[in-house]
Amino acid sequence: MYSSGLPRTYIFVIFFLLLGRSTHQNKPRNGAANQFNSPKMDPKETEALFEVMESISTDAVWRKAHPKPCINGVWPGLECKLGADKLMHVTRLDFGYKPNPSCKKNAIFPSSIFKLQHLQGLFMFQCFMHTHTTIPTGFQNLAPSLQQLSLRANTALSGEIPSELGSLKALQVLTLSQNSLHGFIPQDLGKLSALLHLDLSYNSLNGPIPGKIGSLRVLKGLDLSYNNLRGPISPLVGNLKMLQKLDLSSNSLTGHIPVALGSLKSMEFIALSNNKFTGMFPPSLVNLQSLQYFIMDNNPMNFPLPAEFGSLRRLQELRLANSGYSGPIPVSYGKLLNLSSLSLENNRVSGSIPPSLGNLSHIYHLNLSGNLLSGPVPFSTEFLHRLGKNIDLKGNVELCINASHAAQSYQYLGVGICGSPLLNPKLKSSKKSQGFSLHEMHWRMDIYILGSWILYLLLACK
């Protein structure tokens, strides 16, 4: 007979609540294995993973060290996720830099990697350094899943970029930089509609920049620098409305800067140095109000410095060196209050230095050397002191510094003293000694004063 205490109904309720809590605690969390309901891995995928690891790395005996990858823990460089089929799948592999597995000396690209059909990210850094290998066919097997492919700094990775990479519809990042790839850039890369970043820099690619790249409507970064690309920039680049970084430097590109470039209002970084571009900049350049870096050294431009750059108020670095620019430095450059670096060296820029450049409070590097500038340097003592040796004015034979600055030891500027014929480099024909330096002037003055005192003492003794 049941006596005092809780009613029998309450006892049963409490029992079932405790039972449910115990069952809930024994369920696997975040796909982790447990003794009651352990997630499994497809044996074929497990075998494919071991084949990849054994062909690339000898850091471990992978089958013995990790007999159940993705289930009883993972190693650095391996990521797994629980799929909709309730199986664990390999989703990311990283090789080549610690703590990830290193690559063995004779490693070649493993075709077995195409059996890992749930792979979302593949990263190989300095893996193929000694034995020649190429990018094989088979990437269409990874088309539904692969989002990031990075094969970087593999000096033995050569051959052409396979057009088949254009089938990777989910791909967001494609990095094939610092390899030994050659041939044309495949037009089929223009089919990568989800691509955000494309980096093919530091290879030996040749031919034109394919116009199909203009179809990459969500692209934010395009780096084709340090190749052998030829021809003009396609006006279809104007279709890349989300582009923020464009680096085409160190190629053999020709022609004018296309008007369409000015329609890329999200652009923050442009590098076009070491090419063969010519002609005037398009007026549409003033539309690039987000631009922070414009780097275009070493091109045969041969026209006056464009004043349009003065309207790009977010500009932090402007480099136009060694390109044949002429005429005066536009006064509008003094309005670039965010500018930290201005390089105009080795051109034919003439006239006086605009005093407005002295208002650039963020500038730390100024190179105006090797031009035809003239007149006094208009900068304050504070400005010159702040830049120190990061200001270079050498090679402007008619440029001079006011006598008020002479005592501040600014001889590193490489200019003479205004109004001093002995210090005016223009009056000296010898390239070895184009005018006395400030140090030499001070030394000569000391000798003169010392000689005067000696003469005075000799006369006084008489």
Protein backbone atom coordinates (compact mmCIF):
# COMPACT_ATOMS: atom_id res chain seq x y z
CA MET A 1 0.00 0.00 0.00
CA TYR A 2 1.44 3.33 -1.15
CA SER A 3 1.68 5.80 1.71
CA SER A 4 3.03 9.32 2.13
CA GLY A 5 5.19 11.24 -0.39
CA LEU A 6 4.60 12.53 -3.91
CA PRO A 7 1.60 11.24 -5.83
CA ARG A 8 2.33 8.29 -8.10
CA THR A 9 1.62 10.40 -11.23
CA TYR A 10 4.36 12.89 -10.27
CA ILE A 11 6.84 10.04 -9.75
CA PHE A 12 6.23 8.73 -13.29
CA VAL A 13 6.58 12.26 -14.77
CA ILE A 14 9.90 12.84 -13.00
CA PHE A 15 11.14 9.39 -14.13
CA PHE A 16 10.42 10.09 -17.81
CA LEU A 17 11.95 13.57 -17.59
CA LEU A 18 15.17 12.13 -16.18
CA LEU A 19 15.16 9.39 -18.83
CA GLY A 20 14.74 11.98 -21.62
CA ARG A 21 17.54 14.14 -20.23
CA SER A 22 19.87 11.14 -20.10
CA THR A 23 19.04 10.21 -23.70
CA HIS A 24 19.60 13.83 -24.84
CA GLN A 25 23.01 13.97 -23.15
CA ASN A 26 24.11 10.84 -25.00
CA LYS A 27 23.32 12.28 -28.45
CA PRO A 28 26.37 13.31 -30.55
CA ARG A 29 27.11 17.04 -30.65
CA ASN A 30 28.41 18.86 -33.75
CA GLY A 31 28.87 15.63 -35.65
CA ALA A 32 31.32 14.18 -33.07
CA ALA A 33 31.51 10.44 -32.59
CA ASN A 34 30.21 8.72 -29.48
CA GLN A 35 29.66 5.22 -28.32
CA PHE A 36 25.93 5.17 -29.07
CA ASN A 37 25.58 6.86 -32.46
CA SER A 38 28.97 7.25 -34.17
CA PRO A 39 29.01 9.01 -37.57
CA LYS A 40 30.71 7.03 -40.28
CA MET A 41 32.81 7.77 -43.33
CA ASP A 42 32.44 6.20 -46.76
CA PRO A 43 35.26 3.61 -47.02
CA LYS A 44 35.99 4.73 -50.60
CA GLU A 45 36.46 8.32 -49.45
CA THR A 46 38.66 7.16 -46.56
CA GLU A 47 40.84 5.20 -49.01
CA ALA A 48 41.04 8.17 -51.39
CA LEU A 49 42.18 10.42 -48.53
CA PHE A 50 44.95 7.99 -47.58
CA GLU A 51 46.06 7.78 -51.23
CA VAL A 52 46.34 11.58 -51.36
CA MET A 53 48.25 11.80 -48.08
CA GLU A 54 50.67 9.01 -49.02
CA SER A 55 51.41 10.54 -52.42
CA ILE A 56 52.07 14.02 -51.00
CA SER A 57 53.49 13.73 -47.48
CA THR A 58 55.68 11.43 -45.41
CA ASP A 59 55.14 13.30 -42.15
CA ALA A 60 53.32 10.28 -40.73
CA VAL A 61 52.21 6.76 -41.52
CA TRP A 62 48.72 8.06 -42.06
CA ARG A 63 46.80 4.76 -42.03
CA LYS A 64 48.31 3.77 -38.68
CA ALA A 65 48.39 7.19 -37.05
CA HIS A 66 44.81 8.08 -38.04
CA PRO A 67 42.92 4.89 -38.94
CA LYS A 68 39.58 6.70 -38.67
CA PRO A 69 40.08 10.21 -40.07
CA CYS A 70 37.22 12.66 -39.55
CA ILE A 71 35.85 10.43 -36.75
CA ASN A 72 38.48 9.94 -34.05
CA GLY A 73 39.98 13.41 -34.51
CA VAL A 74 41.60 15.20 -37.43
CA TRP A 75 45.16 16.35 -38.11
CA PRO A 76 46.23 19.94 -38.96
CA GLY A 77 45.34 20.69 -42.57
CA LEU A 78 42.32 18.40 -42.62
CA GLU A 79 38.75 19.56 -42.12
CA CYS A 80 35.64 17.38 -42.21
CA LYS A 81 31.93 18.04 -42.01
CA LEU A 82 28.83 15.94 -41.48
CA GLY A 83 26.89 15.79 -44.73
CA ALA A 84 23.18 15.57 -45.42
CA ASP A 85 23.72 11.84 -45.94
CA LYS A 86 24.80 11.56 -42.26
CA LEU A 87 28.33 10.65 -43.33
CA MET A 88 31.52 12.54 -42.52
CA HIS A 89 33.22 14.07 -45.58
CA VAL A 90 36.61 15.67 -46.27
CA THR A 91 35.96 19.35 -46.99
CA ARG A 92 39.42 20.96 -46.81
CA LEU A 93 43.06 19.97 -47.31
CA ASP A 94 46.08 22.20 -46.62
CA PHE A 95 49.67 21.26 -47.45
CA GLY A 96 53.06 22.86 -47.33
CA TYR A 97 53.25 25.22 -44.36
CA LYS A 98 53.21 24.49 -40.64
CA PRO A 99 51.34 23.16 -38.79
CA ASN A 100 49.91 21.53 -41.92
CA PRO A 101 51.59 18.46 -43.46
CA SER A 102 54.73 19.20 -45.49
CA CYS A 103 55.20 17.85 -49.00
CA LYS A 104 57.82 15.27 -49.85
CA LYS A 105 60.60 16.10 -52.31
CA ASN A 106 59.28 14.05 -55.24
CA ALA A 107 55.62 14.95 -54.78
CA ILE A 108 53.46 15.36 -57.89
CA PHE A 109 49.86 16.46 -58.18
CA PRO A 110 47.71 13.49 -56.98
CA SER A 111 44.86 12.55 -59.32
CA SER A 112 43.23 10.65 -56.44
CA ILE A 113 42.20 14.03 -55.01
CA PHE A 114 39.35 14.09 -57.52
CA LYS A 115 37.73 11.21 -55.61
CA LEU A 116 37.11 13.60 -52.67
CA GLN A 117 33.94 14.95 -54.21
CA HIS A 118 32.86 16.96 -51.17
CA LEU A 119 36.10 18.98 -51.10
CA GLN A 120 35.47 22.72 -50.65
CA GLY A 121 39.03 24.00 -50.21
CA LEU A 122 42.40 22.78 -51.55
CA PHE A 123 45.61 24.63 -50.64
CA MET A 124 49.10 23.55 -51.77
CA PHE A 125 52.02 25.84 -50.90
CA GLN A 126 55.57 24.92 -52.00
CA CYS A 127 54.54 21.32 -52.57
CA PHE A 128 55.92 20.73 -56.06
CA MET A 129 59.48 22.07 -55.97
CA HIS A 130 61.67 19.40 -57.59
CA THR A 131 59.71 16.92 -59.74
CA HIS A 132 57.96 18.29 -62.81
CA THR A 133 54.19 18.08 -62.62
CA THR A 134 51.15 19.71 -64.20
CA ILE A 135 47.59 20.55 -63.21
CA PRO A 136 45.75 17.39 -64.29
CA THR A 137 42.28 17.01 -65.71
CA GLY A 138 39.51 15.80 -63.43
CA PHE A 139 38.44 18.99 -61.70
CA GLN A 140 34.94 18.61 -63.14
CA ASN A 141 34.43 15.94 -60.44
CA LEU A 142 34.76 18.71 -57.82
CA ALA A 143 32.51 21.19 -59.64
CA PRO A 144 29.54 21.11 -57.22
CA SER A 145 31.62 21.64 -54.07
CA LEU A 146 35.03 23.29 -54.63
CA GLN A 147 35.04 26.93 -53.49
CA GLN A 148 38.75 27.67 -52.99
CA LEU A 149 41.69 26.42 -55.04
CA SER A 150 45.16 27.71 -54.19
CA LEU A 151 48.29 26.25 -55.81
CA ARG A 152 50.98 28.77 -54.84
CA ALA A 153 54.80 28.93 -55.01
CA ASN A 154 55.29 25.56 -56.71
CA THR A 155 58.29 26.07 -58.97
CA ALA A 156 57.99 22.61 -60.59
CA LEU A 157 54.30 23.08 -61.43
CA SER A 158 54.32 23.90 -65.14
CA GLY A 159 52.21 23.43 -68.25
CA GLU A 160 49.07 25.30 -69.21
CA ILE A 161 46.06 26.26 -67.11
CA PRO A 162 43.41 23.68 -68.03
CA SER A 163 40.22 25.12 -69.50
CA GLU A 164 38.38 22.57 -67.38
CA LEU A 165 38.77 24.87 -64.36
CA GLY A 166 35.98 26.92 -65.92
CA SER A 167 33.55 24.16 -64.88
CA LEU A 168 33.98 24.92 -61.16
CA LYS A 169 30.73 26.84 -60.79
CA ALA A 170 31.04 27.20 -57.00
CA LEU A 171 34.63 28.48 -57.09
CA GLN A 172 35.14 31.79 -55.25
CA VAL A 173 38.96 31.95 -54.99
CA LEU A 174 41.43 30.80 -57.67
CA THR A 175 45.11 31.36 -56.86
CA LEU A 176 47.76 29.92 -59.19
CA SER A 177 50.53 32.40 -58.42
CA GLN A 178 54.33 31.90 -58.26
CA ASN A 179 54.39 28.75 -60.36
CA SER A 180 55.90 27.99 -63.79
CA LEU A 181 52.69 27.99 -65.80
CA HIS A 182 52.74 29.14 -69.41
CA GLY A 183 50.41 29.52 -72.38
CA PHE A 184 47.27 31.61 -72.77
CA ILE A 185 44.78 32.37 -70.01
CA PRO A 186 41.75 30.19 -70.88
CA GLN A 187 38.66 32.05 -72.00
CA ASP A 188 36.63 29.49 -70.01
CA LEU A 189 37.71 31.13 -66.76
CA GLY A 190 35.07 33.69 -67.66
CA LYS A 191 32.46 31.05 -66.77
CA LEU A 192 33.38 31.17 -63.07
CA SER A 193 30.32 33.23 -62.17
CA ALA A 194 30.89 32.98 -58.38
CA LEU A 195 34.57 34.00 -58.52
CA LEU A 196 35.63 36.75 -56.10
CA HIS A 197 39.46 36.63 -56.42
CA LEU A 198 41.63 35.58 -59.37
CA ASP A 199 45.42 35.56 -58.92
CA LEU A 200 47.62 34.23 -61.75
CA SER A 201 50.64 36.39 -60.93
CA TYR A 202 54.32 35.42 -61.20
CA ASN A 203 54.08 32.86 -63.99
CA SER A 204 55.06 32.89 -67.69
CA LEU A 205 51.60 33.33 -69.15
CA ASN A 206 51.44 35.05 -72.54
CA GLY A 207 48.95 36.29 -75.08
CA PRO A 208 46.17 38.80 -74.43
CA ILE A 209 44.03 39.27 -71.37
CA PRO A 210 40.88 37.36 -72.36
CA GLY A 211 37.83 39.53 -72.83
CA LYS A 212 35.71 36.85 -71.15
CA ILE A 213 37.15 37.95 -67.81
CA GLY A 214 34.69 40.82 -68.14
CA SER A 215 31.95 38.26 -67.42
CA LEU A 216 33.12 37.81 -63.82
CA ARG A 217 30.53 40.23 -62.47
CA VAL A 218 31.23 39.67 -58.74
CA LEU A 219 35.04 39.71 -59.04
CA LYS A 220 36.74 41.88 -56.39
CA GLY A 221 40.42 41.13 -56.97
CA LEU A 222 42.29 40.53 -60.26
CA ASP A 223 46.08 40.00 -60.20
CA LEU A 224 47.81 39.08 -63.48
CA SER A 225 51.12 40.76 -62.65
CA TYR A 226 54.59 39.45 -63.56
CA ASN A 227 53.72 37.52 -66.70
CA ASN A 228 54.30 38.08 -70.43
CA LEU A 229 50.82 39.29 -71.34
CA ARG A 230 50.50 41.47 -74.43
CA GLY A 231 47.97 43.68 -76.12
CA PRO A 232 45.58 46.27 -74.68
CA ILE A 233 43.32 46.18 -71.66
CA SER A 234 39.94 45.11 -72.95
CA PRO A 235 37.17 47.71 -72.49
CA LEU A 236 35.11 44.81 -71.10
CA VAL A 237 36.99 45.37 -67.84
CA GLY A 238 34.35 48.04 -67.30
CA ASN A 239 31.84 45.25 -66.57
CA LEU A 240 33.65 44.35 -63.34
CA LYS A 241 31.62 46.77 -61.23
CA MET A 242 32.64 45.18 -57.92
CA LEU A 243 36.38 45.18 -58.66
CA GLN A 244 38.49 46.67 -55.86
CA LYS A 245 42.02 45.55 -56.82
CA LEU A 246 43.57 45.46 -60.31
CA ASP A 247 47.25 44.51 -60.70
CA LEU A 248 48.55 44.16 -64.26
CA SER A 249 52.10 45.32 -63.55
CA SER A 250 55.24 43.85 -65.13
CA ASN A 251 53.80 42.59 -68.41
CA SER A 252 54.10 43.91 -71.98
CA LEU A 253 50.67 45.48 -72.24
CA THR A 254 50.17 48.29 -74.75
CA GLY A 255 47.66 50.91 -75.83
CA HIS A 256 45.75 53.54 -73.88
CA ILE A 257 44.13 53.21 -70.47
CA PRO A 258 40.52 52.40 -71.43
CA VAL A 259 37.75 54.87 -70.68
CA ALA A 260 35.78 51.99 -69.14
CA LEU A 261 38.27 51.80 -66.27
CA GLY A 262 36.73 54.99 -64.91
CA SER A 263 33.40 53.23 -64.35
CA LEU A 264 34.81 50.97 -61.63
CA LYS A 265 33.70 53.08 -58.69
CA SER A 266 34.61 50.43 -56.08
CA MET A 267 38.26 50.40 -57.17
CA GLU A 268 40.78 50.94 -54.36
CA PHE A 269 44.07 49.69 -55.85
CA ILE A 270 45.48 49.94 -59.41
CA ALA A 271 49.00 48.81 -60.37
CA LEU A 272 50.08 49.13 -64.02
CA SER A 273 53.86 49.60 -63.70
CA ASN A 274 56.43 48.15 -66.10
CA ASN A 275 54.30 47.93 -69.22
CA LYS A 276 54.20 49.81 -72.53
CA PHE A 277 51.11 51.95 -72.06
CA THR A 278 50.98 55.28 -73.88
CA GLY A 279 48.64 58.21 -74.35
CA MET A 280 46.59 60.46 -72.14
CA PHE A 281 44.56 59.27 -69.18
CA PRO A 282 40.81 59.23 -69.82
CA PRO A 283 38.81 62.03 -68.13
CA SER A 284 36.66 59.27 -66.55
CA LEU A 285 39.54 58.69 -64.13
CA VAL A 286 38.02 61.33 -61.83
CA ASN A 287 35.15 58.90 -61.11
CA LEU A 288 37.44 56.60 -59.09
CA GLN A 289 36.64 58.31 -55.81
CA SER A 290 37.38 55.16 -53.77
CA LEU A 291 40.91 54.84 -55.20
CA GLN A 292 43.67 54.73 -52.57
CA TYR A 293 46.68 53.44 -54.53
CA PHE A 294 47.66 54.26 -58.12
CA ILE A 295 51.02 52.74 -59.09
CA MET A 296 52.12 53.25 -62.69
CA ASP A 297 55.90 53.58 -62.94
CA ASN A 298 57.95 52.81 -66.06
CA ASN A 299 55.57 53.38 -68.96
CA PRO A 300 56.32 55.61 -72.01
CA MET A 301 53.46 58.02 -71.33
CA ASN A 302 55.24 61.23 -72.51
CA PHE A 303 52.60 63.86 -71.76
CA PRO A 304 52.03 66.46 -69.02
CA LEU A 305 51.23 65.27 -65.53
CA PRO A 306 47.46 64.84 -65.32
CA ALA A 307 45.74 67.23 -62.94
CA GLU A 308 42.84 64.78 -62.56
CA PHE A 309 44.66 62.87 -59.83
CA GLY A 310 44.20 65.90 -57.60
CA SER A 311 40.48 65.17 -57.39
CA LEU A 312 40.96 61.65 -56.00
CA ARG A 313 40.82 62.72 -52.36
CA ARG A 314 41.22 59.22 -50.83
CA LEU A 315 44.50 58.63 -52.64
CA GLN A 316 47.26 57.47 -50.29
CA GLU A 317 49.99 56.52 -52.77
CA LEU A 318 50.67 57.98 -56.22
CA ARG A 319 53.61 56.64 -58.22
CA LEU A 320 54.29 57.92 -61.74
CA ALA A 321 58.08 57.57 -61.95
CA ASN A 322 60.23 57.10 -65.05
CA SER A 323 57.45 57.62 -67.59
CA GLY A 324 58.35 60.76 -69.53
CA TYR A 325 55.83 63.08 -67.89
CA SER A 326 56.41 66.78 -68.52
CA GLY A 327 55.07 70.16 -67.48
CA PRO A 328 54.58 71.45 -63.94
CA ILE A 329 53.43 69.53 -60.89
CA PRO A 330 49.68 70.27 -60.71
CA VAL A 331 48.76 72.49 -57.78
CA SER A 332 45.76 70.19 -57.21
CA TYR A 333 48.12 67.48 -55.87
CA GLY A 334 48.35 69.62 -52.74
CA LYS A 335 44.70 68.78 -52.04
CA LEU A 336 45.44 65.07 -51.57
CA LEU A 337 45.37 65.33 -47.79
CA ASN A 338 45.44 61.53 -47.31
CA LEU A 339 48.55 61.12 -49.47
CA SER A 340 51.43 59.33 -47.74
CA SER A 341 53.72 58.69 -50.71
CA LEU A 342 54.34 60.65 -53.95
CA SER A 343 56.90 59.41 -56.49
CA LEU A 344 57.48 61.49 -59.64
CA GLU A 345 61.20 60.82 -60.11
CA ASN A 346 63.03 60.53 -63.43
CA ASN A 347 60.58 62.41 -65.62
CA ARG A 348 60.78 65.79 -67.37
CA VAL A 349 58.66 67.68 -64.84
CA SER A 350 59.56 71.38 -64.81
CA GLY A 351 58.74 74.63 -63.03
CA SER A 352 58.65 75.26 -59.32
CA ILE A 353 57.47 72.90 -56.60
CA PRO A 354 53.93 73.90 -55.56
CA PRO A 355 53.98 75.21 -51.97
CA SER A 356 50.68 73.35 -51.44
CA LEU A 357 52.62 70.07 -51.25
CA GLY A 358 53.87 71.31 -47.90
CA ASN A 359 50.31 71.02 -46.56
CA LEU A 360 50.27 67.24 -46.96
CA SER A 361 50.32 66.34 -43.29
CA HIS A 362 50.28 62.56 -43.80
CA ILE A 363 53.05 62.32 -46.36
CA TYR A 364 56.18 60.42 -45.31
CA HIS A 365 57.81 59.75 -48.70
CA LEU A 366 58.40 62.33 -51.46
CA ASN A 367 60.63 61.67 -54.47
CA LEU A 368 60.94 64.43 -57.09
CA SER A 369 64.52 63.60 -58.14
CA GLY A 370 65.81 63.52 -61.69
CA ASN A 371 63.51 66.21 -63.14
CA LEU A 372 63.82 69.79 -64.42
CA LEU A 373 62.42 71.55 -61.37
CA SER A 374 63.68 75.02 -60.52
CA GLY A 375 63.49 77.74 -57.88
CA PRO A 376 63.59 77.52 -54.11
CA VAL A 377 62.33 74.50 -52.19
CA PRO A 378 59.09 75.85 -50.64
CA PHE A 379 58.89 73.53 -47.64
CA SER A 380 59.04 74.59 -44.02
CA THR A 381 61.71 73.44 -41.60
CA GLU A 382 59.09 71.32 -39.80
CA PHE A 383 58.09 69.60 -43.07
CA LEU A 384 61.70 68.84 -44.01
CA HIS A 385 62.46 67.58 -40.51
CA ARG A 386 59.41 65.29 -40.51
CA LEU A 387 60.32 63.61 -43.80
CA GLY A 388 64.04 63.49 -43.10
CA LYS A 389 65.83 61.35 -45.67
CA ASN A 390 62.50 60.20 -47.14
CA ILE A 391 62.52 63.29 -49.35
CA ASP A 392 64.69 63.18 -52.49
CA LEU A 393 65.20 66.24 -54.71
CA LYS A 394 68.54 65.33 -56.32
CA GLY A 395 69.15 65.83 -60.02
CA ASN A 396 67.14 69.07 -60.39
CA VAL A 397 70.02 71.40 -61.37
CA GLU A 398 68.06 74.64 -60.97
CA LEU A 399 66.46 73.74 -57.66
CA CYS A 400 67.87 75.36 -54.53
CA ILE A 401 67.27 75.68 -50.80
CA ASN A 402 66.93 79.01 -49.01
CA ALA A 403 69.87 80.19 -46.93
CA SER A 404 67.64 80.09 -43.83
CA HIS A 405 67.63 76.29 -44.14
CA ALA A 406 71.36 76.00 -44.80
CA ALA A 407 72.29 75.81 -41.12
CA GLN A 408 69.89 72.87 -40.63
CA SER A 409 72.21 70.48 -42.50
CA TYR A 410 69.81 69.51 -45.27
CA GLN A 411 72.62 68.56 -47.64
CA TYR A 412 70.97 65.15 -48.17
CA LEU A 413 68.36 66.96 -50.30
CA GLY A 414 70.98 67.17 -53.03
CA VAL A 415 70.37 70.83 -53.95
CA GLY A 416 72.45 74.00 -53.62
CA ILE A 417 71.93 77.26 -51.73
CA CYS A 418 69.76 79.85 -53.46
CA GLY A 419 71.75 82.91 -54.61
CA SER A 420 75.16 81.27 -54.19
CA PRO A 421 76.92 81.04 -57.58
CA LEU A 422 79.55 78.76 -56.11
CA LEU A 423 76.82 76.34 -55.07
CA ASN A 424 74.70 76.52 -58.20
CA PRO A 425 75.28 73.21 -59.97
CA LYS A 426 74.28 74.81 -63.28
CA LEU A 427 77.53 76.83 -63.29
CA LYS A 428 79.75 73.79 -62.87
CA SER A 429 80.49 71.65 -65.90
CA SER A 430 82.09 68.79 -64.03
CA LYS A 431 79.67 65.97 -63.19
CA LYS A 432 81.99 64.92 -60.42
CA SER A 433 81.53 68.19 -58.56
CA GLN A 434 78.35 70.01 -59.53
CA GLY A 435 78.65 72.82 -56.94
CA PHE A 436 79.85 72.54 -53.37
CA SER A 437 77.83 70.61 -50.85
CA LEU A 438 76.74 72.33 -47.65
CA HIS A 439 79.41 70.41 -45.74
CA GLU A 440 82.11 71.63 -48.14
CA MET A 441 80.80 75.22 -47.86
CA HIS A 442 80.99 75.14 -44.05
CA TRP A 443 84.54 73.75 -44.23
CA ARG A 444 85.67 76.52 -46.59
CA MET A 445 84.10 79.19 -44.35
CA ASP A 446 85.91 77.76 -41.31
CA ILE A 447 89.25 77.90 -43.17
CA TYR A 448 88.57 81.50 -44.19
CA ILE A 449 87.73 82.58 -40.62
CA LEU A 450 90.76 80.77 -39.18
CA GLY A 451 93.05 82.42 -41.74
CA SER A 452 91.66 85.86 -40.92
CA TRP A 453 92.37 85.38 -37.18
CA ILE A 454 95.95 84.26 -37.86
CA LEU A 455 96.56 87.31 -40.06
CA TYR A 456 95.09 89.58 -37.34
CA LEU A 457 97.35 88.06 -34.65
CA LEU A 458 100.47 88.44 -36.81
CA LEU A 459 99.73 92.12 -37.43
CA ALA A 460 99.00 92.69 -33.74
CA CYS A 461 102.34 91.18 -32.71
CA LYS A 462 104.18 93.80 -34.81
